Amino acid sequence: LTHLGLDFAIATTFIALVIPGIKNLATLATVITAGVMA
């Protein structure tokens, strides 16, 4: 089942949880840095 792209649910769930919490520059920088570095 790994070829069905189900792991995309992980990314979408965390995006939905993280985005509302980006309320200042420090948090935004943290999110962008995490994504780029990963």
PDB file of all heavy atoms in Angstrom:
ATOM      1  N   LEU A   1       0.811  -1.223   0.000  1.00  0.00           N
ATOM      2  CA  LEU A   1       0.000   0.000   0.000  1.00  0.00           C
ATOM      3  C   LEU A   1       0.841   1.268   0.000  1.00  0.00           C
ATOM      4  O   LEU A   1       0.301   2.360  -0.155  1.00  0.00           O
ATOM      5  CB  LEU A   1      -0.915   0.013   1.232  1.00  0.00           C
ATOM      6  CG  LEU A   1      -1.943  -1.122   1.328  1.00  0.00           C
ATOM      7  CD1 LEU A   1      -2.788  -0.951   2.584  1.00  0.00           C
ATOM      8  CD2 LEU A   1      -2.837  -1.161   0.099  1.00  0.00           C
ATOM      9  N   THR A   2       2.139   1.119   0.173  1.00  0.00           N
ATOM     10  CA  THR A   2       2.990   2.307   0.245  1.00  0.00           C
ATOM     11  C   THR A   2       3.048   3.054  -1.080  1.00  0.00           C
ATOM     12  O   THR A   2       3.423   4.228  -1.111  1.00  0.00           O
ATOM     13  CB  THR A   2       4.419   1.926   0.674  1.00  0.00           C
ATOM     14  OG1 THR A   2       4.954   0.977  -0.272  1.00  0.00           O
ATOM     15  CG2 THR A   2       4.416   1.299   2.061  1.00  0.00           C
ATOM     16  N   HIS A   3       2.668   2.378  -2.175  1.00  0.00           N
ATOM     17  CA  HIS A   3       2.711   3.025  -3.488  1.00  0.00           C
ATOM     18  C   HIS A   3       1.458   3.855  -3.768  1.00  0.00           C
ATOM     19  O   HIS A   3       1.355   4.490  -4.812  1.00  0.00           O
ATOM     20  CB  HIS A   3       2.873   1.977  -4.590  1.00  0.00           C
ATOM     21  CG  HIS A   3       4.159   1.211  -4.496  1.00  0.00           C
ATOM     22  ND1 HIS A   3       5.398   1.817  -4.418  1.00  0.00           N
ATOM     23  CD2 HIS A   3       4.402  -0.131  -4.443  1.00  0.00           C
ATOM     24  CE1 HIS A   3       6.351   0.896  -4.339  1.00  0.00           C
ATOM     25  NE2 HIS A   3       5.772  -0.290  -4.341  1.00  0.00           N
ATOM     26  N   LEU A   4       0.500   3.839  -2.850  1.00  0.00           N
ATOM     27  CA  LEU A   4      -0.744   4.585  -3.058  1.00  0.00           C
ATOM     28  C   LEU A   4      -0.641   6.037  -2.608  1.00  0.00           C
ATOM     29  O   LEU A   4      -1.595   6.794  -2.755  1.00  0.00           O
ATOM     30  CB  LEU A   4      -1.894   3.899  -2.308  1.00  0.00           C
ATOM     31  CG  LEU A   4      -2.216   2.467  -2.747  1.00  0.00           C
ATOM     32  CD1 LEU A   4      -3.386   1.922  -1.927  1.00  0.00           C
ATOM     33  CD2 LEU A   4      -2.554   2.416  -4.241  1.00  0.00           C
ATOM     34  N   GLY A   5       0.482   6.407  -2.046  1.00  0.00           N
ATOM     35  CA  GLY A   5       0.657   7.789  -1.610  1.00  0.00           C
ATOM     36  C   GLY A   5      -0.082   8.130  -0.339  1.00  0.00           C
ATOM     37  O   GLY A   5      -0.367   9.311  -0.072  1.00  0.00           O
ATOM     38  N   LEU A   6      -0.384   7.122   0.490  1.00  0.00           N
ATOM     39  CA  LEU A   6      -1.113   7.379   1.736  1.00  0.00           C
ATOM     40  C   LEU A   6      -0.297   8.216   2.718  1.00  0.00           C
ATOM     41  O   LEU A   6      -0.868   8.886   3.576  1.00  0.00           O
ATOM     42  CB  LEU A   6      -1.506   6.048   2.406  1.00  0.00           C
ATOM     43  CG  LEU A   6      -2.449   5.136   1.619  1.00  0.00           C
ATOM     44  CD1 LEU A   6      -2.714   3.868   2.409  1.00  0.00           C
ATOM     45  CD2 LEU A   6      -3.760   5.841   1.301  1.00  0.00           C
ATOM     46  N   ASP A   7       1.043   8.170   2.565  1.00  0.00           N
ATOM     47  CA  ASP A   7       1.874   8.933   3.487  1.00  0.00           C
ATOM     48  C   ASP A   7       1.689  10.443   3.335  1.00  0.00           C
ATOM     49  O   ASP A   7       2.112  11.209   4.194  1.00  0.00           O
ATOM     50  CB  ASP A   7       3.349   8.576   3.316  1.00  0.00           C
ATOM     51  CG  ASP A   7       3.813   8.667   1.877  1.00  0.00           C
ATOM     52  OD1 ASP A   7       2.971   8.646   0.974  1.00  0.00           O
ATOM     53  OD2 ASP A   7       5.033   8.773   1.666  1.00  0.00           O
ATOM     54  N   PHE A   8       1.029  10.868   2.250  1.00  0.00           N
ATOM     55  CA  PHE A   8       0.756  12.291   2.086  1.00  0.00           C
ATOM     56  C   PHE A   8      -0.169  12.799   3.183  1.00  0.00           C
ATOM     57  O   PHE A   8      -0.170  13.991   3.508  1.00  0.00           O
ATOM     58  CB  PHE A   8       0.135  12.557   0.716  1.00  0.00           C
ATOM     59  CG  PHE A   8      -0.091  14.017   0.428  1.00  0.00           C
ATOM     60  CD1 PHE A   8       0.988  14.871   0.235  1.00  0.00           C
ATOM     61  CD2 PHE A   8      -1.371  14.550   0.366  1.00  0.00           C
ATOM     62  CE1 PHE A   8       0.800  16.216  -0.015  1.00  0.00           C
ATOM     63  CE2 PHE A   8      -1.569  15.896   0.113  1.00  0.00           C
ATOM     64  CZ  PHE A   8      -0.474  16.727  -0.082  1.00  0.00           C
ATOM     65  N   ALA A   9      -0.954  11.885   3.771  1.00  0.00           N
ATOM     66  CA  ALA A   9      -1.849  12.268   4.867  1.00  0.00           C
ATOM     67  C   ALA A   9      -1.071  12.809   6.057  1.00  0.00           C
ATOM     68  O   ALA A   9      -1.566  13.658   6.797  1.00  0.00           O
ATOM     69  CB  ALA A   9      -2.700  11.070   5.300  1.00  0.00           C
ATOM     70  N   ILE A  10       0.158  12.328   6.246  1.00  0.00           N
ATOM     71  CA  ILE A  10       0.982  12.804   7.351  1.00  0.00           C
ATOM     72  C   ILE A  10       1.278  14.286   7.169  1.00  0.00           C
ATOM     73  O   ILE A  10       1.109  15.100   8.079  1.00  0.00           O
ATOM     74  CB  ILE A  10       2.304  12.006   7.419  1.00  0.00           C
ATOM     75  CG1 ILE A  10       2.009  10.521   7.583  1.00  0.00           C
ATOM     76  CG2 ILE A  10       3.181  12.519   8.555  1.00  0.00           C
ATOM     77  CD1 ILE A  10       3.247   9.652   7.486  1.00  0.00           C
ATOM     78  N   ALA A  11       1.709  14.621   5.951  1.00  0.00           N
ATOM     79  CA  ALA A  11       2.053  16.019   5.666  1.00  0.00           C
ATOM     80  C   ALA A  11       0.836  16.925   5.780  1.00  0.00           C
ATOM     81  O   ALA A  11       0.904  17.994   6.396  1.00  0.00           O
ATOM     82  CB  ALA A  11       2.672  16.127   4.276  1.00  0.00           C
ATOM     83  N   THR A  12      -0.287  16.498   5.215  1.00  0.00           N
ATOM     84  CA  THR A  12      -1.475  17.358   5.222  1.00  0.00           C
ATOM     85  C   THR A  12      -2.004  17.564   6.640  1.00  0.00           C
ATOM     86  O   THR A  12      -2.453  18.664   6.977  1.00  0.00           O
ATOM     87  CB  THR A  12      -2.592  16.757   4.345  1.00  0.00           C
ATOM     88  OG1 THR A  12      -2.863  15.408   4.770  1.00  0.00           O
ATOM     89  CG2 THR A  12      -2.170  16.731   2.888  1.00  0.00           C
ATOM     90  N   THR A  13      -1.950  16.531   7.474  1.00  0.00           N
ATOM     91  CA  THR A  13      -2.426  16.665   8.854  1.00  0.00           C
ATOM     92  C   THR A  13      -1.590  17.678   9.624  1.00  0.00           C
ATOM     93  O   THR A  13      -2.121  18.566  10.303  1.00  0.00           O
ATOM     94  CB  THR A  13      -2.387  15.309   9.577  1.00  0.00           C
ATOM     95  OG1 THR A  13      -3.209  14.372   8.878  1.00  0.00           O
ATOM     96  CG2 THR A  13      -2.887  15.450  11.005  1.00  0.00           C
ATOM     97  N   PHE A  14      -0.267  17.577   9.508  1.00  0.00           N
ATOM     98  CA  PHE A  14       0.593  18.496  10.248  1.00  0.00           C
ATOM     99  C   PHE A  14       0.535  19.908   9.673  1.00  0.00           C
ATOM    100  O   PHE A  14       0.647  20.889  10.420  1.00  0.00           O
ATOM    101  CB  PHE A  14       2.037  17.980  10.267  1.00  0.00           C
ATOM    102  CG  PHE A  14       2.284  16.973  11.346  1.00  0.00           C
ATOM    103  CD1 PHE A  14       2.382  15.625  11.059  1.00  0.00           C
ATOM    104  CD2 PHE A  14       2.389  17.369  12.669  1.00  0.00           C
ATOM    105  CE1 PHE A  14       2.595  14.694  12.067  1.00  0.00           C
ATOM    106  CE2 PHE A  14       2.600  16.454  13.680  1.00  0.00           C
ATOM    107  CZ  PHE A  14       2.704  15.111  13.379  1.00  0.00           C
ATOM    108  N   ILE A  15       0.354  20.020   8.370  1.00  0.00           N
ATOM    109  CA  ILE A  15       0.184  21.354   7.779  1.00  0.00           C
ATOM    110  C   ILE A  15      -1.053  22.024   8.366  1.00  0.00           C
ATOM    111  O   ILE A  15      -1.037  23.204   8.734  1.00  0.00           O
ATOM    112  CB  ILE A  15       0.079  21.266   6.245  1.00  0.00           C
ATOM    113  CG1 ILE A  15       1.452  20.910   5.656  1.00  0.00           C
ATOM    114  CG2 ILE A  15      -0.406  22.591   5.659  1.00  0.00           C
ATOM    115  CD1 ILE A  15       1.418  20.609   4.174  1.00  0.00           C
ATOM    116  N   ALA A  16      -2.145  21.248   8.465  1.00  0.00           N
ATOM    117  CA  ALA A  16      -3.388  21.793   9.012  1.00  0.00           C
ATOM    118  C   ALA A  16      -3.236  22.211  10.462  1.00  0.00           C
ATOM    119  O   ALA A  16      -3.877  23.170  10.920  1.00  0.00           O
ATOM    120  CB  ALA A  16      -4.506  20.758   8.883  1.00  0.00           C
ATOM    121  N   LEU A  17      -2.377  21.518  11.220  1.00  0.00           N
ATOM    122  CA  LEU A  17      -2.168  21.850  12.620  1.00  0.00           C
ATOM    123  C   LEU A  17      -1.190  23.010  12.805  1.00  0.00           C
ATOM    124  O   LEU A  17      -1.332  23.814  13.728  1.00  0.00           O
ATOM    125  CB  LEU A  17      -1.642  20.622  13.377  1.00  0.00           C
ATOM    126  CG  LEU A  17      -2.599  19.441  13.528  1.00  0.00           C
ATOM    127  CD1 LEU A  17      -1.877  18.257  14.147  1.00  0.00           C
ATOM    128  CD2 LEU A  17      -3.802  19.817  14.379  1.00  0.00           C
ATOM    129  N   VAL A  18      -0.198  23.087  11.914  1.00  0.00           N
ATOM    130  CA  VAL A  18       0.866  24.075  12.076  1.00  0.00           C
ATOM    131  C   VAL A  18       0.482  25.459  11.563  1.00  0.00           C
ATOM    132  O   VAL A  18       0.743  26.475  12.229  1.00  0.00           O
ATOM    133  CB  VAL A  18       2.155  23.595  11.367  1.00  0.00           C
ATOM    134  CG1 VAL A  18       3.183  24.720  11.281  1.00  0.00           C
ATOM    135  CG2 VAL A  18       2.746  22.405  12.099  1.00  0.00           C
ATOM    136  N   ILE A  19      -0.132  25.526  10.398  1.00  0.00           N
ATOM    137  CA  ILE A  19      -0.405  26.809   9.749  1.00  0.00           C
ATOM    138  C   ILE A  19      -1.148  27.796  10.654  1.00  0.00           C
ATOM    139  O   ILE A  19      -0.748  28.970  10.756  1.00  0.00           O
ATOM    140  CB  ILE A  19      -1.185  26.611   8.434  1.00  0.00           C
ATOM    141  CG1 ILE A  19      -0.311  25.869   7.419  1.00  0.00           C
ATOM    142  CG2 ILE A  19      -1.629  27.954   7.854  1.00  0.00           C
ATOM    143  CD1 ILE A  19       0.969  26.593   7.051  1.00  0.00           C
ATOM    144  N   PRO A  20      -2.215  27.388  11.356  1.00  0.00           N
ATOM    145  CA  PRO A  20      -2.909  28.366  12.220  1.00  0.00           C
ATOM    146  C   PRO A  20      -2.038  28.920  13.343  1.00  0.00           C
ATOM    147  O   PRO A  20      -2.330  29.985  13.892  1.00  0.00           O
ATOM    148  CB  PRO A  20      -4.088  27.551  12.795  1.00  0.00           C
ATOM    149  CG  PRO A  20      -4.290  26.448  11.820  1.00  0.00           C
ATOM    150  CD  PRO A  20      -2.921  26.101  11.336  1.00  0.00           C
ATOM    151  N   GLY A  21      -0.955  28.206  13.686  1.00  0.00           N
ATOM    152  CA  GLY A  21      -0.097  28.659  14.777  1.00  0.00           C
ATOM    153  C   GLY A  21       1.003  29.614  14.355  1.00  0.00           C
ATOM    154  O   GLY A  21       1.749  30.120  15.200  1.00  0.00           O
ATOM    155  N   ILE A  22       1.112  29.883  13.056  1.00  0.00           N
ATOM    156  CA  ILE A  22       2.139  30.815  12.572  1.00  0.00           C
ATOM    157  C   ILE A  22       1.618  32.236  12.742  1.00  0.00           C
ATOM    158  O   ILE A  22       0.883  32.756  11.900  1.00  0.00           O
ATOM    159  CB  ILE A  22       2.490  30.538  11.094  1.00  0.00           C
ATOM    160  CG1 ILE A  22       2.986  29.099  10.933  1.00  0.00           C
ATOM    161  CG2 ILE A  22       3.552  31.517  10.611  1.00  0.00           C
ATOM    162  CD1 ILE A  22       3.279  28.720   9.498  1.00  0.00           C
ATOM    163  N   LYS A  23       2.025  32.860  13.837  1.00  0.00           N
ATOM    164  CA  LYS A  23       1.512  34.191  14.163  1.00  0.00           C
ATOM    165  C   LYS A  23       2.619  35.224  14.353  1.00  0.00           C
ATOM    166  O   LYS A  23       2.338  36.378  14.660  1.00  0.00           O
ATOM    167  CB  LYS A  23       0.656  34.112  15.430  1.00  0.00           C
ATOM    168  CG  LYS A  23      -0.584  33.216  15.250  1.00  0.00           C
ATOM    169  CD  LYS A  23      -1.389  33.128  16.526  1.00  0.00           C
ATOM    170  CE  LYS A  23      -2.603  32.230  16.350  1.00  0.00           C
ATOM    171  NZ  LYS A  23      -3.403  32.100  17.601  1.00  0.00           N
ATOM    172  N   ASN A  24       3.863  34.820  14.162  1.00  0.00           N
ATOM    173  CA  ASN A  24       4.960  35.777  14.267  1.00  0.00           C
ATOM    174  C   ASN A  24       6.125  35.323  13.396  1.00  0.00           C
ATOM    175  O   ASN A  24       6.122  34.195  12.863  1.00  0.00           O
ATOM    176  CB  ASN A  24       5.412  35.945  15.726  1.00  0.00           C
ATOM    177  CG  ASN A  24       5.739  34.614  16.381  1.00  0.00           C
ATOM    178  OD1 ASN A  24       6.574  33.868  15.886  1.00  0.00           O
ATOM    179  ND2 ASN A  24       5.070  34.320  17.495  1.00  0.00           N
ATOM    180  N   LEU A  25       7.116  36.175  13.263  1.00  0.00           N
ATOM    181  CA  LEU A  25       8.258  35.903  12.384  1.00  0.00           C
ATOM    182  C   LEU A  25       9.076  34.709  12.856  1.00  0.00           C
ATOM    183  O   LEU A  25       9.545  33.904  12.035  1.00  0.00           O
ATOM    184  CB  LEU A  25       9.152  37.148  12.298  1.00  0.00           C
ATOM    185  CG  LEU A  25      10.402  37.029  11.415  1.00  0.00           C
ATOM    186  CD1 LEU A  25      10.004  36.729   9.973  1.00  0.00           C
ATOM    187  CD2 LEU A  25      11.233  38.309  11.494  1.00  0.00           C
ATOM    188  N   ALA A  26       9.256  34.565  14.159  1.00  0.00           N
ATOM    189  CA  ALA A  26      10.057  33.463  14.689  1.00  0.00           C
ATOM    190  C   ALA A  26       9.446  32.108  14.341  1.00  0.00           C
ATOM    191  O   ALA A  26      10.146  31.176  13.928  1.00  0.00           O
ATOM    192  CB  ALA A  26      10.196  33.605  16.201  1.00  0.00           C
ATOM    193  N   THR A  27       8.136  32.010  14.489  1.00  0.00           N
ATOM    194  CA  THR A  27       7.455  30.762  14.152  1.00  0.00           C
ATOM    195  C   THR A  27       7.521  30.489  12.660  1.00  0.00           C
ATOM    196  O   THR A  27       7.758  29.351  12.229  1.00  0.00           O
ATOM    197  CB  THR A  27       5.982  30.822  14.606  1.00  0.00           C
ATOM    198  OG1 THR A  27       5.921  31.144  15.991  1.00  0.00           O
ATOM    199  CG2 THR A  27       5.292  29.491  14.368  1.00  0.00           C
ATOM    200  N   LEU A  28       7.319  31.518  11.853  1.00  0.00           N
ATOM    201  CA  LEU A  28       7.398  31.358  10.403  1.00  0.00           C
ATOM    202  C   LEU A  28       8.787  30.883   9.984  1.00  0.00           C
ATOM    203  O   LEU A  28       8.929  29.970   9.163  1.00  0.00           O
ATOM    204  CB  LEU A  28       7.067  32.677   9.708  1.00  0.00           C
ATOM    205  CG  LEU A  28       7.176  32.685   8.178  1.00  0.00           C
ATOM    206  CD1 LEU A  28       6.204  31.690   7.567  1.00  0.00           C
ATOM    207  CD2 LEU A  28       6.923  34.088   7.629  1.00  0.00           C
ATOM    208  N   ALA A  29       9.821  31.487  10.568  1.00  0.00           N
ATOM    209  CA  ALA A  29      11.193  31.091  10.247  1.00  0.00           C
ATOM    210  C   ALA A  29      11.460  29.649  10.661  1.00  0.00           C
ATOM    211  O   ALA A  29      12.157  28.899   9.962  1.00  0.00           O
ATOM    212  CB  ALA A  29      12.176  32.033  10.937  1.00  0.00           C
ATOM    213  N   THR A  30      10.898  29.251  11.803  1.00  0.00           N
ATOM    214  CA  THR A  30      11.067  27.880  12.274  1.00  0.00           C
ATOM    215  C   THR A  30      10.458  26.886  11.300  1.00  0.00           C
ATOM    216  O   THR A  30      11.077  25.870  10.940  1.00  0.00           O
ATOM    217  CB  THR A  30      10.412  27.703  13.657  1.00  0.00           C
ATOM    218  OG1 THR A  30      10.992  28.620  14.580  1.00  0.00           O
ATOM    219  CG2 THR A  30      10.588  26.293  14.169  1.00  0.00           C
ATOM    220  N   VAL A  31       9.243  27.169  10.846  1.00  0.00           N
ATOM    221  CA  VAL A  31       8.543  26.274   9.922  1.00  0.00           C
ATOM    222  C   VAL A  31       9.291  26.174   8.593  1.00  0.00           C
ATOM    223  O   VAL A  31       9.510  25.074   8.063  1.00  0.00           O
ATOM    224  CB  VAL A  31       7.101  26.768   9.696  1.00  0.00           C
ATOM    225  CG1 VAL A  31       6.425  25.967   8.584  1.00  0.00           C
ATOM    226  CG2 VAL A  31       6.299  26.662  10.985  1.00  0.00           C
ATOM    227  N   ILE A  32       9.684  27.310   8.041  1.00  0.00           N
ATOM    228  CA  ILE A  32      10.384  27.311   6.750  1.00  0.00           C
ATOM    229  C   ILE A  32      11.724  26.589   6.856  1.00  0.00           C
ATOM    230  O   ILE A  32      12.086  25.774   5.990  1.00  0.00           O
ATOM    231  CB  ILE A  32      10.591  28.753   6.249  1.00  0.00           C
ATOM    232  CG1 ILE A  32       9.234  29.392   5.915  1.00  0.00           C
ATOM    233  CG2 ILE A  32      11.503  28.776   5.030  1.00  0.00           C
ATOM    234  CD1 ILE A  32       9.329  30.851   5.529  1.00  0.00           C
ATOM    235  N   THR A  33      12.465  26.869   7.928  1.00  0.00           N
ATOM    236  CA  THR A  33      13.767  26.220   8.124  1.00  0.00           C
ATOM    237  C   THR A  33      13.615  24.707   8.244  1.00  0.00           C
ATOM    238  O   THR A  33      14.395  23.946   7.659  1.00  0.00           O
ATOM    239  CB  THR A  33      14.462  26.768   9.380  1.00  0.00           C
ATOM    240  OG1 THR A  33      14.624  28.180   9.258  1.00  0.00           O
ATOM    241  CG2 THR A  33      15.824  26.119   9.572  1.00  0.00           C
ATOM    242  N   ALA A  34      12.614  24.276   8.994  1.00  0.00           N
ATOM    243  CA  ALA A  34      12.386  22.833   9.167  1.00  0.00           C
ATOM    244  C   ALA A  34      12.102  22.173   7.824  1.00  0.00           C
ATOM    245  O   ALA A  34      12.663  21.110   7.512  1.00  0.00           O
ATOM    246  CB  ALA A  34      11.227  22.602  10.133  1.00  0.00           C
ATOM    247  N   GLY A  35      11.249  22.787   7.029  1.00  0.00           N
ATOM    248  CA  GLY A  35      10.909  22.210   5.730  1.00  0.00           C
ATOM    249  C   GLY A  35      12.097  22.150   4.783  1.00  0.00           C
ATOM    250  O   GLY A  35      12.337  21.122   4.135  1.00  0.00           O
ATOM    251  N   VAL A  36      12.837  23.239   4.701  1.00  0.00           N
ATOM    252  CA  VAL A  36      13.994  23.306   3.795  1.00  0.00           C
ATOM    253  C   VAL A  36      15.084  22.324   4.229  1.00  0.00           C
ATOM    254  O   VAL A  36      15.619  21.561   3.406  1.00  0.00           O
ATOM    255  CB  VAL A  36      14.552  24.743   3.737  1.00  0.00           C
ATOM    256  CG1 VAL A  36      15.873  24.766   2.961  1.00  0.00           C
ATOM    257  CG2 VAL A  36      13.543  25.676   3.079  1.00  0.00           C
ATOM    258  N   MET A  37      15.421  22.324   5.516  1.00  0.00           N
ATOM    259  CA  MET A  37      16.479  21.453   6.010  1.00  0.00           C
ATOM    260  C   MET A  37      16.104  19.976   5.872  1.00  0.00           C
ATOM    261  O   MET A  37      16.943  19.147   5.501  1.00  0.00           O
ATOM    262  CB  MET A  37      16.788  21.779   7.471  1.00  0.00           C
ATOM    263  CG  MET A  37      17.481  23.113   7.686  1.00  0.00           C
ATOM    264  SD  MET A  37      19.103  23.169   6.887  1.00  0.00           S
ATOM    265  CE  MET A  37      19.981  21.887   7.777  1.00  0.00           C
ATOM    266  N   ALA A  38      14.853  19.641   6.175  1.00  0.00           N
ATOM    267  CA  ALA A  38      14.420  18.249   6.049  1.00  0.00           C
ATOM    268  C   ALA A  38      14.529  17.771   4.605  1.00  0.00           C
ATOM    269  O   ALA A  38      14.998  16.658   4.330  1.00  0.00           O
ATOM    270  CB  ALA A  38      12.976  18.104   6.556  1.00  0.00           C
TER     271      ALA A  38
END
